[in-house]
Amino acid sequence: MRDLLQNEVKKKLDTGKLIEKKLKAGEMVDDEIVIDLVKKEMIKYEKDNKSYIIEGFPKNRVQAMFLQSVGIIPDNMIILTTDRKFSEESVNDRLKSENLKDLKAAVKDCVDNSGLGLAAVRELYKGFYAEIKKITKEKKEQELIIEDIAKIIRLKSRTVASRKPPRILLLGPPCSRKYEVAEIIARKHGIVHVSISDLLLKEIGNKNDNSQSILAAINSGELINDKFILKLLEDRLYASDCMINGWILTGFPKNNSQIHYLKSTKAFNPSKVINLYLDDEVIAKRSAARRLDPVSGKFYFIGENKDLNKDISARLIVKNEDKPEIFEKRLNCWKKISPELETVFQPKLERISEMNIETIVEKISDVMRNDS
C-alpha cells in the first residue's frame, strides 16, 4: 500500500500532493484515494488470474467493507501486531524528520487511529484471521515471522474446509418448510439465513413509502415489485456477516429477472442449489394443516408437532398466505418458475425428496461438506 501511495506522489498531480501532505503529518490518507488505488491493482491481477498479497490494507472498517462489497474474500488474512511502545518508537522514527510542531501528539494520534482501525477489521473478520506478534527489529525475528506466515498459507491450502464462504440457495414449493430447514442449517454451520419474508416484514415495520405497496402484494398473493426485493436483498447480502460467513437464502428467486440477477451478480451467485421436492398432494395437506403462532412467529403443523400445547393451540391462526385462494396463486407461481430454476442451476443443483426435517438437514450438510 505504501508503494502505491509513493508512486502516486511521484506523479506530482493533485492527488499525489494530498497524499504527500497526509504522509508527512503521519495521518491516514483518505479512504476514497486508498480504495481507488487498491481497486485498480486488484482488477489487474484478477483479470490476469494472478495470486497476490496485499500489505497495509485494509486499515479500517470502510476499507474492509470495500473488499466485501466487491465480493473479494481473502484466502488468508494475517494481522501483524506489536505492543504500543514498539509502535510509538517505530512511528516516531518515521516522523521525526518531518519537523512537526508537536511530534509526540502526532505519534500518539497515529498509533491511536491505527489501533481503532485494526479493532474494526478484527471485528468484521472475526474467526477468520491469524495474528502474529512482532516485538523487535531484529532480522532473526523477521525471518521467524516470514516462516510463520508461510506455515499459515501452507496449512490453509491443505485444509478440507471451503476456501470461499458457502452460498446456498434453498428452493422448494410453499409449505416445504424451507424456513425451518434454513434456520437449522445456519445454526449448524455458522452461516447466515437470509429470508426474503423476514426482510419484507422488517421493511413493512419501518412504515415507509414502500410498506403499503409490499403489504398489499403479500395480502393478495401477488409477486412483489423487483425494485423492492432486489434492493433489500442486495443490502443484506453485502453485509459483512454474509460476505465473511456465507449464507443460505430462502424465498428467492420467484421470476426470470430475479434468476438472472442472482446468476449474473458474481458476489451472489450460489455455490450450491438445493431443491426440496414434494408431491402436490403433500403440499396441499401441509398448507391446510399449517398454523401461525402470532406470539412467537413460529409455524406449527396440526398433527405433526408434538410440542403443541393447549395454550399455544388456542392462539394459532391461519396465515393469509395459506388461505386456499392465496395458496393456489403461490403454488402456481412455484410451478411456473420451478422448471426454469432447475435448468439454469443444473450444474449446482441437488434435489431432495424427503419429509423428515432431520434427514433433510443431514443431506444438505453432506452436500456442503462434499462441495468444500
Protein backbone atom coordinates (compact mmCIF):
# COMPACT_ATOMS: atom_id res chain seq x y z
CA MET A 1 0.00 0.00 0.00
CA ARG A 2 2.81 2.40 0.87
CA ASP A 3 4.45 1.74 -2.53
CA LEU A 4 1.17 2.59 -4.29
CA LEU A 5 0.92 5.85 -2.37
CA GLN A 6 4.56 6.80 -3.03
CA ASN A 7 4.16 6.06 -6.74
CA GLU A 8 1.16 8.38 -6.80
CA VAL A 9 3.20 11.10 -5.06
CA LYS A 10 5.89 10.85 -7.76
CA LYS A 11 3.32 11.76 -10.43
CA LYS A 12 3.10 15.24 -8.82
CA LEU A 13 -0.62 15.52 -9.54
CA ASP A 14 -3.20 16.96 -7.11
CA THR A 15 -3.96 13.54 -5.61
CA GLY A 16 -0.26 12.89 -5.07
CA LYS A 17 0.20 16.23 -3.34
CA LEU A 18 -2.65 15.45 -0.97
CA ILE A 19 -1.17 12.02 -0.23
CA GLU A 20 2.26 13.53 0.44
CA LYS A 21 0.80 16.06 2.88
CA LYS A 22 -1.01 13.30 4.81
CA LEU A 23 2.03 11.02 4.95
CA LYS A 24 4.31 13.76 6.21
CA ALA A 25 1.86 14.58 9.00
CA GLY A 26 1.56 10.90 9.96
CA GLU A 27 -2.15 10.96 9.08
CA MET A 28 -4.31 8.39 7.32
CA VAL A 29 -4.74 9.01 3.60
CA ASP A 30 -8.41 9.45 2.62
CA ASP A 31 -10.21 6.11 2.21
CA GLU A 32 -11.53 7.14 -1.20
CA ILE A 33 -7.99 7.56 -2.56
CA VAL A 34 -6.66 4.37 -0.95
CA ILE A 35 -9.57 2.25 -2.16
CA ASP A 36 -9.28 3.58 -5.72
CA LEU A 37 -5.56 2.67 -5.86
CA VAL A 38 -6.16 -0.82 -4.44
CA LYS A 39 -9.10 -1.42 -6.76
CA LYS A 40 -7.00 -0.70 -9.85
CA GLU A 41 -4.33 -3.17 -8.72
CA MET A 42 -6.90 -5.86 -7.88
CA ILE A 43 -8.63 -5.55 -11.24
CA LYS A 44 -5.29 -6.01 -12.99
CA TYR A 45 -4.39 -9.17 -11.05
CA GLU A 46 -7.90 -10.63 -11.13
CA LYS A 47 -8.06 -10.22 -14.93
CA ASP A 48 -4.70 -11.99 -15.28
CA ASN A 49 -5.87 -14.68 -12.84
CA LYS A 50 -2.81 -13.98 -10.68
CA SER A 51 -2.50 -14.59 -6.97
CA TYR A 52 -1.39 -11.64 -4.87
CA ILE A 53 -0.63 -10.48 -1.34
CA ILE A 54 -1.75 -7.02 -0.16
CA GLU A 55 0.26 -5.35 2.61
CA GLY A 56 -1.12 -2.37 4.55
CA PHE A 57 -4.77 -2.81 3.52
CA PRO A 58 -7.44 -2.83 4.90
CA LYS A 59 -6.66 -0.49 7.78
CA ASN A 60 -10.19 0.32 8.94
CA ARG A 61 -13.84 -0.66 8.63
CA VAL A 62 -14.50 1.35 5.45
CA GLN A 63 -11.60 -0.31 3.63
CA ALA A 64 -12.61 -3.77 4.88
CA MET A 65 -16.21 -3.20 3.73
CA PHE A 66 -14.91 -2.32 0.26
CA LEU A 67 -13.41 -5.81 -0.09
CA GLN A 68 -16.73 -7.34 0.89
CA SER A 69 -18.74 -5.08 -1.42
CA VAL A 70 -16.87 -6.37 -4.48
CA GLY A 71 -17.14 -9.98 -3.34
CA ILE A 72 -13.44 -10.49 -2.56
CA ILE A 73 -12.86 -12.71 0.46
CA PRO A 74 -9.13 -13.27 1.11
CA ASP A 75 -7.86 -16.85 1.28
CA ASN A 76 -5.82 -15.71 4.28
CA MET A 77 -5.77 -12.64 6.48
CA ILE A 78 -2.73 -12.18 8.71
CA ILE A 79 -2.56 -9.37 11.25
CA LEU A 80 0.92 -8.39 12.41
CA THR A 81 0.72 -6.74 15.82
CA THR A 82 3.07 -5.33 18.43
CA ASP A 83 2.88 -3.55 21.77
CA ARG A 84 2.16 0.17 21.98
CA LYS A 85 5.71 1.15 22.99
CA PHE A 86 7.21 -0.56 19.93
CA SER A 87 4.57 1.07 17.68
CA GLU A 88 5.26 4.51 19.08
CA GLU A 89 9.01 4.08 18.62
CA SER A 90 8.55 2.97 15.01
CA VAL A 91 6.19 5.85 14.17
CA ASN A 92 8.47 8.33 15.93
CA ASP A 93 11.45 7.16 13.82
CA ARG A 94 9.40 7.66 10.66
CA LEU A 95 8.05 11.13 11.53
CA LYS A 96 10.98 12.77 13.32
CA SER A 97 12.47 14.04 10.06
CA GLU A 98 9.26 15.87 9.13
CA ASN A 99 9.83 18.78 11.57
CA LEU A 100 6.31 18.57 13.01
CA LYS A 101 5.27 21.17 15.58
CA ASP A 102 4.17 18.52 18.07
CA LEU A 103 5.86 15.22 17.23
CA LYS A 104 4.65 13.50 20.40
CA ALA A 105 0.98 14.32 19.69
CA ALA A 106 1.32 13.24 16.06
CA VAL A 107 2.81 9.89 17.11
CA LYS A 108 0.02 9.34 19.64
CA ASP A 109 -2.72 10.16 17.10
CA CYS A 110 -1.15 7.86 14.51
CA VAL A 111 -0.94 4.91 16.92
CA ASP A 112 -4.43 5.54 18.34
CA ASN A 113 -6.04 5.72 14.89
CA SER A 114 -4.21 2.59 13.77
CA GLY A 115 -5.44 0.70 16.83
CA LEU A 116 -9.06 1.75 16.32
CA GLY A 117 -8.97 0.84 12.64
CA LEU A 118 -7.43 -2.55 13.36
CA ALA A 119 -10.07 -3.28 16.00
CA ALA A 120 -12.80 -2.70 13.40
CA VAL A 121 -11.07 -5.01 10.90
CA ARG A 122 -10.78 -7.70 13.59
CA GLU A 123 -14.49 -7.40 14.35
CA LEU A 124 -15.50 -7.72 10.69
CA TYR A 125 -13.22 -10.72 10.12
CA LYS A 126 -13.82 -12.36 13.49
CA GLY A 127 -12.68 -16.00 13.49
CA PHE A 128 -11.12 -15.59 10.06
CA TYR A 129 -7.68 -14.05 10.59
CA ALA A 130 -4.39 -15.27 12.07
CA GLU A 131 -2.38 -12.98 14.33
CA ILE A 132 1.41 -12.77 14.70
CA LYS A 133 3.19 -10.55 17.23
CA LYS A 134 6.36 -8.59 16.38
CA ILE A 135 8.30 -7.16 19.32
CA THR A 136 11.77 -6.26 18.00
CA LYS A 137 13.54 -5.06 14.85
CA GLU A 138 15.97 -7.97 14.84
CA LYS A 139 16.48 -9.67 11.48
CA LYS A 140 16.19 -13.10 13.14
CA GLU A 141 12.71 -12.30 14.41
CA GLN A 142 11.70 -11.08 10.97
CA GLU A 143 12.84 -14.40 9.47
CA LEU A 144 10.74 -16.27 12.04
CA ILE A 145 7.70 -14.15 11.19
CA ILE A 146 8.12 -14.94 7.50
CA GLU A 147 8.36 -18.62 8.35
CA ASP A 148 5.17 -18.41 10.44
CA ILE A 149 3.30 -16.71 7.60
CA ALA A 150 4.47 -19.40 5.17
CA LYS A 151 3.18 -22.08 7.56
CA ILE A 152 -0.23 -20.40 7.76
CA ILE A 153 -0.51 -20.25 3.97
CA ARG A 154 0.57 -23.90 3.57
CA LEU A 155 -1.88 -25.04 6.27
CA LYS A 156 -4.76 -23.16 4.67
CA SER A 157 -4.01 -24.65 1.26
CA ARG A 158 -4.20 -28.19 2.68
CA THR A 159 -7.36 -27.80 4.70
CA VAL A 160 -10.54 -29.59 3.65
CA ALA A 161 -12.61 -26.56 4.61
CA SER A 162 -14.12 -24.38 1.90
CA ARG A 163 -11.84 -21.60 0.70
CA LYS A 164 -14.91 -19.47 -0.09
CA PRO A 165 -17.92 -18.89 2.18
CA PRO A 166 -20.84 -21.18 1.24
CA ARG A 167 -23.69 -19.56 -0.67
CA ILE A 168 -26.66 -21.92 -0.54
CA LEU A 169 -29.88 -21.29 -2.44
CA LEU A 170 -32.71 -23.30 -0.85
CA LEU A 171 -35.67 -23.81 -3.17
CA GLY A 172 -38.97 -25.59 -2.76
CA PRO A 173 -42.74 -25.22 -3.09
CA PRO A 174 -44.88 -23.46 -0.46
CA CYS A 175 -45.05 -25.36 2.86
CA SER A 176 -41.88 -27.37 2.16
CA ARG A 177 -40.55 -25.98 5.47
CA LYS A 178 -37.66 -24.18 3.82
CA TYR A 179 -37.52 -21.55 6.57
CA GLU A 180 -37.23 -24.14 9.33
CA VAL A 181 -34.59 -26.12 7.45
CA ALA A 182 -32.56 -22.96 6.69
CA GLU A 183 -32.61 -21.88 10.34
CA ILE A 184 -31.18 -25.23 11.44
CA ILE A 185 -28.53 -25.24 8.69
CA ALA A 186 -27.49 -21.67 9.58
CA ARG A 187 -27.03 -22.56 13.26
CA LYS A 188 -25.25 -25.83 12.49
CA HIS A 189 -22.72 -24.41 10.01
CA GLY A 190 -22.32 -20.87 11.33
CA ILE A 191 -23.72 -19.19 8.23
CA VAL A 192 -26.47 -16.58 7.87
CA HIS A 193 -30.08 -17.40 6.99
CA VAL A 194 -31.29 -14.68 4.63
CA SER A 195 -35.08 -14.88 4.42
CA ILE A 196 -36.89 -12.68 1.91
CA SER A 197 -40.05 -12.86 4.02
CA ASP A 198 -38.12 -11.60 7.08
CA LEU A 199 -36.63 -8.73 5.06
CA LEU A 200 -40.09 -7.77 3.79
CA LEU A 201 -41.67 -7.90 7.23
CA LYS A 202 -38.91 -5.67 8.58
CA GLU A 203 -39.48 -3.21 5.74
CA ILE A 204 -43.23 -3.20 6.43
CA GLY A 205 -42.46 -2.49 10.08
CA ASN A 206 -40.43 0.57 9.05
CA LYS A 207 -43.70 2.15 7.84
CA ASN A 208 -42.06 3.98 4.97
CA ASP A 209 -43.22 4.71 1.42
CA ASN A 210 -42.61 1.09 0.37
CA SER A 211 -44.54 -0.54 3.23
CA GLN A 212 -48.06 -0.24 1.85
CA SER A 213 -47.12 -1.50 -1.62
CA ILE A 214 -45.32 -4.51 -0.17
CA LEU A 215 -48.12 -5.33 2.27
CA ALA A 216 -50.80 -5.09 -0.44
CA ALA A 217 -48.89 -7.51 -2.68
CA ILE A 218 -48.37 -10.00 0.18
CA ASN A 219 -52.05 -9.92 1.19
CA SER A 220 -53.18 -10.55 -2.40
CA GLY A 221 -50.64 -13.31 -3.06
CA GLU A 222 -49.05 -11.34 -5.91
CA LEU A 223 -45.32 -11.08 -6.56
CA ILE A 224 -43.69 -8.02 -5.04
CA ASN A 225 -42.08 -5.50 -7.36
CA ASP A 226 -38.46 -6.40 -8.14
CA LYS A 227 -37.20 -2.92 -7.25
CA PHE A 228 -38.17 -3.54 -3.60
CA ILE A 229 -36.93 -7.13 -3.46
CA LEU A 230 -33.55 -6.58 -5.14
CA LYS A 231 -32.67 -3.53 -3.03
CA LEU A 232 -33.47 -5.37 0.24
CA LEU A 233 -31.59 -8.49 -0.87
CA GLU A 234 -28.54 -6.60 -2.10
CA ASP A 235 -28.23 -4.62 1.14
CA ARG A 236 -28.43 -7.83 3.18
CA LEU A 237 -26.06 -9.99 1.13
CA TYR A 238 -23.42 -7.26 1.05
CA ALA A 239 -23.47 -7.08 4.86
CA SER A 240 -20.23 -8.24 6.47
CA ASP A 241 -21.69 -11.31 8.23
CA CYS A 242 -22.96 -12.70 4.92
CA MET A 243 -19.81 -11.89 2.96
CA ILE A 244 -17.49 -13.46 5.53
CA ASN A 245 -19.51 -16.39 6.90
CA GLY A 246 -21.66 -17.27 3.88
CA TRP A 247 -25.42 -17.63 3.67
CA ILE A 248 -28.45 -19.78 2.93
CA LEU A 249 -31.18 -17.91 1.04
CA THR A 250 -34.92 -18.67 1.09
CA GLY A 251 -37.86 -17.06 -0.74
CA PHE A 252 -35.89 -16.06 -3.81
CA PRO A 253 -35.86 -16.06 -6.85
CA LYS A 254 -39.51 -16.05 -7.98
CA ASN A 255 -39.29 -14.86 -11.59
CA ASN A 256 -36.88 -14.87 -14.54
CA SER A 257 -35.42 -11.43 -13.87
CA GLN A 258 -34.59 -12.47 -10.29
CA ILE A 259 -32.95 -15.67 -11.56
CA HIS A 260 -30.81 -13.63 -13.95
CA TYR A 261 -29.87 -11.18 -11.17
CA LEU A 262 -28.73 -13.97 -8.85
CA LYS A 263 -26.78 -15.80 -11.53
CA SER A 264 -25.13 -12.74 -13.06
CA THR A 265 -24.07 -10.99 -9.84
CA LYS A 266 -20.69 -12.53 -9.02
CA ALA A 267 -20.87 -11.91 -5.26
CA PHE A 268 -24.35 -13.52 -5.02
CA ASN A 269 -24.07 -16.44 -7.45
CA PRO A 270 -24.87 -19.52 -5.30
CA SER A 271 -22.23 -22.18 -4.79
CA LYS A 272 -24.93 -24.83 -4.33
CA VAL A 273 -28.67 -25.01 -5.06
CA ILE A 274 -30.94 -27.32 -3.08
CA ASN A 275 -34.46 -28.07 -4.31
CA LEU A 276 -36.86 -29.64 -1.79
CA TYR A 277 -39.26 -31.68 -3.90
CA LEU A 278 -42.77 -32.59 -2.66
CA ASP A 279 -45.85 -34.00 -4.40
CA ASP A 280 -48.84 -31.67 -4.88
CA GLU A 281 -50.93 -33.80 -2.51
CA VAL A 282 -48.39 -33.46 0.30
CA ILE A 283 -48.09 -29.71 -0.28
CA ALA A 284 -51.89 -29.25 -0.14
CA LYS A 285 -52.14 -31.24 3.12
CA ARG A 286 -49.37 -29.21 4.72
CA SER A 287 -50.95 -25.93 3.72
CA ALA A 288 -54.26 -26.99 5.24
CA ALA A 289 -52.53 -28.06 8.47
CA ARG A 290 -50.19 -25.06 8.86
CA ARG A 291 -50.90 -22.53 11.59
CA LEU A 292 -49.04 -19.45 12.83
CA ASP A 293 -48.41 -18.57 16.46
CA PRO A 294 -48.66 -14.73 16.41
CA VAL A 295 -46.78 -14.51 19.71
CA SER A 296 -43.60 -16.43 18.79
CA GLY A 297 -43.88 -16.15 14.99
CA LYS A 298 -43.38 -19.94 14.77
CA PHE A 299 -45.31 -22.16 12.36
CA TYR A 300 -46.98 -25.35 13.56
CA PHE A 301 -48.45 -28.22 11.57
CA ILE A 302 -51.57 -29.72 13.10
CA GLY A 303 -50.97 -33.42 13.68
CA GLU A 304 -47.18 -33.15 13.25
CA ASN A 305 -45.89 -31.01 16.12
CA LYS A 306 -45.50 -32.82 19.43
CA ASP A 307 -44.74 -29.61 21.37
CA LEU A 308 -48.15 -28.08 20.59
CA ASN A 309 -49.83 -27.49 23.98
CA LYS A 310 -53.30 -26.11 24.79
CA ASP A 311 -52.12 -22.54 25.36
CA ILE A 312 -50.36 -22.36 22.02
CA SER A 313 -53.23 -24.13 20.21
CA ALA A 314 -55.72 -21.56 21.48
CA ARG A 315 -53.90 -18.63 19.81
CA LEU A 316 -52.95 -20.25 16.49
CA ILE A 317 -54.20 -18.57 13.32
CA VAL A 318 -54.30 -19.36 9.61
CA LYS A 319 -51.87 -17.02 7.89
CA ASN A 320 -53.23 -15.11 4.92
CA GLU A 321 -50.85 -16.84 2.50
CA ASP A 322 -52.31 -20.25 3.49
CA LYS A 323 -55.90 -19.31 2.65
CA PRO A 324 -56.97 -21.52 -0.32
CA GLU A 325 -57.22 -18.78 -2.96
CA ILE A 326 -53.88 -17.18 -1.99
CA PHE A 327 -52.12 -20.50 -1.58
CA GLU A 328 -53.19 -21.57 -5.07
CA LYS A 329 -51.56 -18.44 -6.53
CA ARG A 330 -48.34 -19.16 -4.66
CA LEU A 331 -48.28 -22.78 -5.77
CA ASN A 332 -48.94 -21.84 -9.41
CA CYS A 333 -46.12 -19.30 -9.22
CA TRP A 334 -43.75 -22.03 -7.97
CA LYS A 335 -44.81 -24.47 -10.68
CA LYS A 336 -44.23 -21.83 -13.32
CA ILE A 337 -40.72 -20.92 -12.21
CA SER A 338 -39.52 -24.34 -10.96
CA PRO A 339 -38.51 -25.84 -14.35
CA GLU A 340 -36.52 -22.70 -15.21
CA LEU A 341 -34.71 -22.80 -11.86
CA GLU A 342 -33.70 -26.43 -12.35
CA THR A 343 -32.45 -25.72 -15.89
CA VAL A 344 -30.45 -22.58 -15.04
CA PHE A 345 -28.82 -24.00 -11.90
CA GLN A 346 -28.49 -27.58 -13.13
CA PRO A 347 -24.70 -27.99 -12.59
CA LYS A 348 -25.07 -26.88 -8.95
CA LEU A 349 -28.47 -28.44 -8.26
CA GLU A 350 -29.27 -31.15 -5.72
CA ARG A 351 -32.83 -32.42 -5.44
CA ILE A 352 -34.01 -33.75 -2.07
CA SER A 353 -37.29 -35.67 -1.81
CA GLU A 354 -37.79 -36.08 1.91
CA MET A 355 -40.40 -35.29 4.56
CA ASN A 356 -38.32 -35.59 7.71
CA ILE A 357 -36.60 -32.35 8.78
CA GLU A 358 -33.61 -34.11 10.37
CA THR A 359 -33.00 -36.14 7.20
CA ILE A 360 -33.22 -33.04 5.01
CA VAL A 361 -30.73 -31.18 7.21
CA GLU A 362 -28.27 -34.07 7.16
CA LYS A 363 -28.47 -34.39 3.37
CA ILE A 364 -27.84 -30.66 2.89
CA SER A 365 -24.93 -30.87 5.34
CA ASP A 366 -23.46 -33.73 3.30
CA VAL A 367 -23.79 -31.64 0.13
CA MET A 368 -21.98 -28.73 1.81
CA ARG A 369 -19.18 -30.98 3.10
CA ASN A 370 -18.69 -32.62 -0.29
CA ASP A 371 -18.65 -29.22 -2.00
CA SER A 372 -15.91 -27.84 0.31
